[in-house]
N, C-alpha and C. Protein backbone atom coordinates (compact mmCIF):
# COMPACT_ATOMS: atom_id res chain seq x y z
N MET A 1 -15.47 10.86 -15.05
CA MET A 1 -14.97 10.84 -16.41
C MET A 1 -14.18 9.55 -16.62
N ALA A 2 -14.49 8.88 -17.68
CA ALA A 2 -13.82 7.63 -17.99
C ALA A 2 -12.44 7.90 -18.59
N ALA A 3 -11.53 6.98 -18.34
CA ALA A 3 -10.19 7.12 -18.90
C ALA A 3 -10.26 6.90 -20.41
N LYS A 4 -9.38 7.60 -21.12
CA LYS A 4 -9.37 7.46 -22.57
C LYS A 4 -8.83 6.09 -22.94
N LYS A 5 -9.33 5.57 -24.03
CA LYS A 5 -8.89 4.27 -24.50
C LYS A 5 -7.53 4.42 -25.17
N ARG A 6 -6.62 3.56 -24.83
CA ARG A 6 -5.28 3.62 -25.41
C ARG A 6 -5.09 2.45 -26.38
N THR A 7 -4.46 2.75 -27.48
CA THR A 7 -4.12 1.69 -28.42
C THR A 7 -2.61 1.52 -28.42
N THR A 8 -2.16 0.32 -28.70
CA THR A 8 -0.73 0.07 -28.68
C THR A 8 -0.16 0.09 -30.09
N HIS A 9 1.04 0.59 -30.19
CA HIS A 9 1.76 0.66 -31.45
C HIS A 9 3.21 0.30 -31.17
N ARG A 10 4.01 0.23 -32.21
CA ARG A 10 5.45 0.02 -32.05
C ARG A 10 6.18 1.17 -32.72
N SER A 11 7.26 1.62 -32.08
CA SER A 11 8.07 2.69 -32.66
C SER A 11 9.07 2.10 -33.66
N ARG A 12 9.85 2.95 -34.28
CA ARG A 12 10.86 2.46 -35.23
C ARG A 12 11.89 1.58 -34.53
N SER A 13 12.17 1.92 -33.26
CA SER A 13 13.15 1.11 -32.52
C SER A 13 12.49 -0.10 -31.86
N ASN A 14 11.23 -0.37 -32.25
CA ASN A 14 10.47 -1.52 -31.79
C ASN A 14 10.11 -1.48 -30.30
N SER A 15 10.05 -0.28 -29.73
CA SER A 15 9.58 -0.20 -28.34
C SER A 15 8.07 0.01 -28.36
N LYS A 16 7.40 -0.54 -27.39
CA LYS A 16 5.94 -0.50 -27.35
C LYS A 16 5.47 0.91 -26.98
N LEU A 17 4.42 1.40 -27.64
CA LEU A 17 3.87 2.73 -27.40
C LEU A 17 2.39 2.64 -27.09
N TYR A 18 1.92 3.61 -26.29
CA TYR A 18 0.49 3.80 -26.06
C TYR A 18 0.13 5.10 -26.76
N ALA A 19 -0.99 5.11 -27.48
CA ALA A 19 -1.45 6.32 -28.15
C ALA A 19 -2.90 6.58 -27.80
N GLU A 20 -3.21 7.85 -27.45
CA GLU A 20 -4.59 8.26 -27.19
C GLU A 20 -5.03 9.12 -28.37
N ARG A 21 -6.21 8.87 -28.84
CA ARG A 21 -6.73 9.64 -29.97
C ARG A 21 -7.87 10.54 -29.54
N SER A 22 -8.03 11.66 -30.25
CA SER A 22 -9.15 12.56 -30.00
C SER A 22 -10.38 12.01 -30.73
N ARG A 23 -11.50 12.69 -30.59
CA ARG A 23 -12.72 12.23 -31.27
C ARG A 23 -12.58 12.32 -32.79
N LYS A 24 -11.74 13.24 -33.22
CA LYS A 24 -11.51 13.40 -34.66
C LYS A 24 -10.63 12.27 -35.21
N GLY A 25 -9.97 11.56 -34.33
CA GLY A 25 -9.10 10.47 -34.76
C GLY A 25 -7.63 10.86 -34.79
N GLU A 26 -7.34 12.11 -34.35
CA GLU A 26 -5.94 12.57 -34.33
C GLU A 26 -5.29 12.12 -33.03
N PHE A 27 -3.98 11.92 -33.08
CA PHE A 27 -3.26 11.54 -31.87
C PHE A 27 -3.22 12.72 -30.90
N GLU A 28 -3.61 12.48 -29.64
CA GLU A 28 -3.53 13.52 -28.61
C GLU A 28 -2.27 13.31 -27.76
N ASP A 29 -2.00 12.07 -27.45
CA ASP A 29 -0.88 11.79 -26.55
C ASP A 29 -0.26 10.46 -26.94
N ILE A 30 1.06 10.44 -27.03
CA ILE A 30 1.78 9.21 -27.30
C ILE A 30 2.85 9.06 -26.23
N GLN A 31 2.85 7.91 -25.56
CA GLN A 31 3.83 7.64 -24.51
C GLN A 31 4.39 6.24 -24.71
N THR A 32 5.60 6.05 -24.19
CA THR A 32 6.15 4.70 -24.23
C THR A 32 5.37 3.87 -23.21
N TYR A 33 5.27 2.61 -23.48
CA TYR A 33 4.56 1.70 -22.58
C TYR A 33 5.19 1.73 -21.19
N LYS A 34 6.52 1.79 -21.15
CA LYS A 34 7.26 1.76 -19.88
C LYS A 34 6.87 2.94 -18.99
N ARG A 35 6.82 4.15 -19.56
CA ARG A 35 6.46 5.34 -18.78
C ARG A 35 5.00 5.32 -18.36
N ALA A 36 4.12 4.97 -19.29
CA ALA A 36 2.69 4.96 -19.01
C ALA A 36 2.35 3.92 -17.95
N HIS A 37 2.95 2.75 -18.06
CA HIS A 37 2.70 1.69 -17.08
C HIS A 37 3.19 2.10 -15.69
N GLY A 38 4.34 2.77 -15.63
CA GLY A 38 4.87 3.24 -14.34
C GLY A 38 3.91 4.20 -13.66
N GLN A 39 3.32 5.10 -14.43
CA GLN A 39 2.36 6.04 -13.86
C GLN A 39 1.08 5.32 -13.41
N ASP A 40 0.65 4.34 -14.18
CA ASP A 40 -0.54 3.57 -13.81
C ASP A 40 -0.35 2.85 -12.49
N VAL A 41 0.84 2.31 -12.29
CA VAL A 41 1.13 1.58 -11.06
C VAL A 41 1.19 2.52 -9.87
N LYS A 42 1.72 3.72 -10.06
CA LYS A 42 1.83 4.69 -8.96
C LYS A 42 0.47 5.20 -8.51
N ARG A 43 -0.45 5.35 -9.45
CA ARG A 43 -1.76 5.90 -9.14
C ARG A 43 -2.59 4.92 -8.33
N VAL A 44 -3.37 5.45 -7.40
CA VAL A 44 -4.25 4.63 -6.58
C VAL A 44 -5.68 4.86 -7.07
N SER A 45 -6.41 3.80 -7.32
CA SER A 45 -7.77 3.93 -7.84
C SER A 45 -8.73 4.35 -6.73
N LYS A 46 -9.88 4.84 -7.14
CA LYS A 46 -10.91 5.25 -6.18
C LYS A 46 -11.40 4.04 -5.38
N ALA A 47 -11.47 2.90 -6.03
CA ALA A 47 -11.94 1.67 -5.36
C ALA A 47 -10.96 1.26 -4.26
N GLU A 48 -9.65 1.38 -4.54
CA GLU A 48 -8.65 1.03 -3.52
C GLU A 48 -8.72 1.98 -2.34
N THR A 49 -8.90 3.27 -2.61
CA THR A 49 -9.00 4.27 -1.54
C THR A 49 -10.23 4.01 -0.68
N ALA A 50 -11.35 3.70 -1.32
CA ALA A 50 -12.59 3.42 -0.58
C ALA A 50 -12.43 2.17 0.27
N ALA A 51 -11.76 1.16 -0.24
CA ALA A 51 -11.56 -0.08 0.51
C ALA A 51 -10.69 0.17 1.74
N LYS A 52 -9.66 1.01 1.59
CA LYS A 52 -8.80 1.33 2.73
C LYS A 52 -9.59 2.06 3.81
N ARG A 53 -10.42 3.02 3.40
CA ARG A 53 -11.24 3.76 4.36
C ARG A 53 -12.21 2.83 5.09
N LYS A 54 -12.82 1.93 4.33
CA LYS A 54 -13.78 1.00 4.92
C LYS A 54 -13.11 0.09 5.94
N ALA A 55 -11.92 -0.39 5.60
CA ALA A 55 -11.18 -1.27 6.51
C ALA A 55 -10.78 -0.53 7.78
N ALA A 56 -10.36 0.74 7.64
CA ALA A 56 -9.96 1.53 8.80
C ALA A 56 -11.16 1.80 9.70
N ALA A 57 -12.31 2.09 9.11
CA ALA A 57 -13.52 2.34 9.89
C ALA A 57 -13.96 1.08 10.62
N LYS A 58 -13.86 -0.06 9.95
CA LYS A 58 -14.25 -1.33 10.56
C LYS A 58 -13.35 -1.65 11.75
N LYS A 59 -12.06 -1.40 11.58
CA LYS A 59 -11.10 -1.65 12.65
C LYS A 59 -11.38 -0.74 13.85
N LYS A 60 -11.70 0.52 13.55
CA LYS A 60 -11.97 1.50 14.61
C LYS A 60 -13.24 1.13 15.37
N SER A 61 -14.29 0.72 14.65
CA SER A 61 -15.54 0.35 15.31
C SER A 61 -15.38 -0.92 16.14
N ALA A 62 -14.56 -1.84 15.67
CA ALA A 62 -14.32 -3.08 16.43
C ALA A 62 -13.59 -2.76 17.73
N ALA A 63 -12.65 -1.85 17.67
CA ALA A 63 -11.91 -1.46 18.88
C ALA A 63 -12.83 -0.73 19.85
N LYS A 64 -13.77 0.05 19.31
CA LYS A 64 -14.70 0.80 20.14
C LYS A 64 -15.65 -0.14 20.87
N LYS A 65 -16.12 -1.19 20.19
CA LYS A 65 -17.03 -2.16 20.79
C LYS A 65 -16.35 -2.95 21.90
N LYS A 66 -15.08 -3.22 21.72
CA LYS A 66 -14.33 -4.01 22.69
C LYS A 66 -14.24 -3.30 24.03
N GLY A 67 -14.17 -1.99 24.01
CA GLY A 67 -14.03 -1.23 25.24
C GLY A 67 -12.59 -0.79 25.40
N PRO A 68 -12.32 -0.07 26.48
CA PRO A 68 -10.95 0.42 26.66
C PRO A 68 -9.98 -0.74 26.88
N ALA A 69 -8.80 -0.54 26.40
CA ALA A 69 -7.77 -1.57 26.55
C ALA A 69 -7.34 -1.67 28.00
N LYS A 70 -7.10 -2.88 28.44
CA LYS A 70 -6.66 -3.09 29.82
C LYS A 70 -5.21 -2.70 29.95
N LYS A 71 -4.88 -2.17 31.12
CA LYS A 71 -3.48 -1.81 31.35
C LYS A 71 -2.69 -3.08 31.60
N LYS A 72 -1.54 -3.11 31.00
CA LYS A 72 -0.68 -4.25 31.21
C LYS A 72 0.11 -4.02 32.49
N THR A 73 0.12 -5.03 33.34
CA THR A 73 0.88 -4.91 34.58
C THR A 73 2.15 -5.74 34.44
N ARG A 74 3.19 -5.19 34.97
CA ARG A 74 4.46 -5.90 34.92
C ARG A 74 4.48 -6.97 35.99
N ALA A 75 4.99 -8.11 35.65
CA ALA A 75 5.12 -9.19 36.61
C ALA A 75 6.22 -8.82 37.59
N VAL A 76 5.93 -8.98 38.86
CA VAL A 76 6.92 -8.65 39.90
C VAL A 76 7.74 -9.89 40.19
N ARG A 77 9.04 -9.74 40.11
CA ARG A 77 9.93 -10.87 40.38
C ARG A 77 10.12 -11.03 41.88
N LYS A 78 10.20 -12.25 42.29
CA LYS A 78 10.53 -12.48 43.69
C LYS A 78 12.02 -12.32 43.84
N ALA A 79 12.41 -11.85 44.99
CA ALA A 79 13.83 -11.68 45.24
C ALA A 79 14.49 -13.05 45.28
N ALA A 80 15.50 -13.20 44.49
CA ALA A 80 16.20 -14.47 44.41
C ALA A 80 17.13 -14.61 45.61
N ALA A 81 17.26 -15.84 46.07
CA ALA A 81 18.18 -16.09 47.19
C ALA A 81 19.60 -15.85 46.70
N PRO A 82 20.46 -15.29 47.55
CA PRO A 82 21.83 -15.04 47.12
C PRO A 82 22.52 -16.35 46.76
N ARG A 83 23.31 -16.29 45.73
CA ARG A 83 24.01 -17.48 45.25
C ARG A 83 25.22 -17.77 46.14
N LYS A 84 25.44 -19.04 46.27
CA LYS A 84 26.63 -19.42 47.06
C LYS A 84 27.82 -19.40 46.11
N SER A 85 28.81 -18.65 46.47
CA SER A 85 29.99 -18.58 45.60
C SER A 85 30.99 -19.64 46.02
N ALA A 86 31.71 -20.12 45.06
CA ALA A 86 32.71 -21.15 45.35
C ALA A 86 33.85 -20.52 46.14
N LYS A 87 34.28 -21.21 47.17
CA LYS A 87 35.36 -20.68 48.01
C LYS A 87 36.70 -20.93 47.34
N LYS A 88 37.53 -19.92 47.37
CA LYS A 88 38.86 -20.05 46.80
C LYS A 88 39.81 -20.50 47.91
N LYS A 89 40.75 -21.35 47.58
CA LYS A 89 41.71 -21.83 48.57
C LYS A 89 43.03 -21.13 48.41
């Protein structure tokens, strides 16, 4: 289902409004631009969701092709020679 087309208007206080009309031409929904835009930004589109899934699958398949990760071994330090301390007189 396609999103309804919104037209912009101005209120008496000169704030920007979005209005959705029915097929008859009557107003169905009127929102301030600020509120409507905030909801639009919060929503994630189907295209964005699909792109995230595709990227995750690609990353997973690349890791699978590489093979199991090698275990990291800690470098063993050689025992340091004892330090010579300054003699006190």
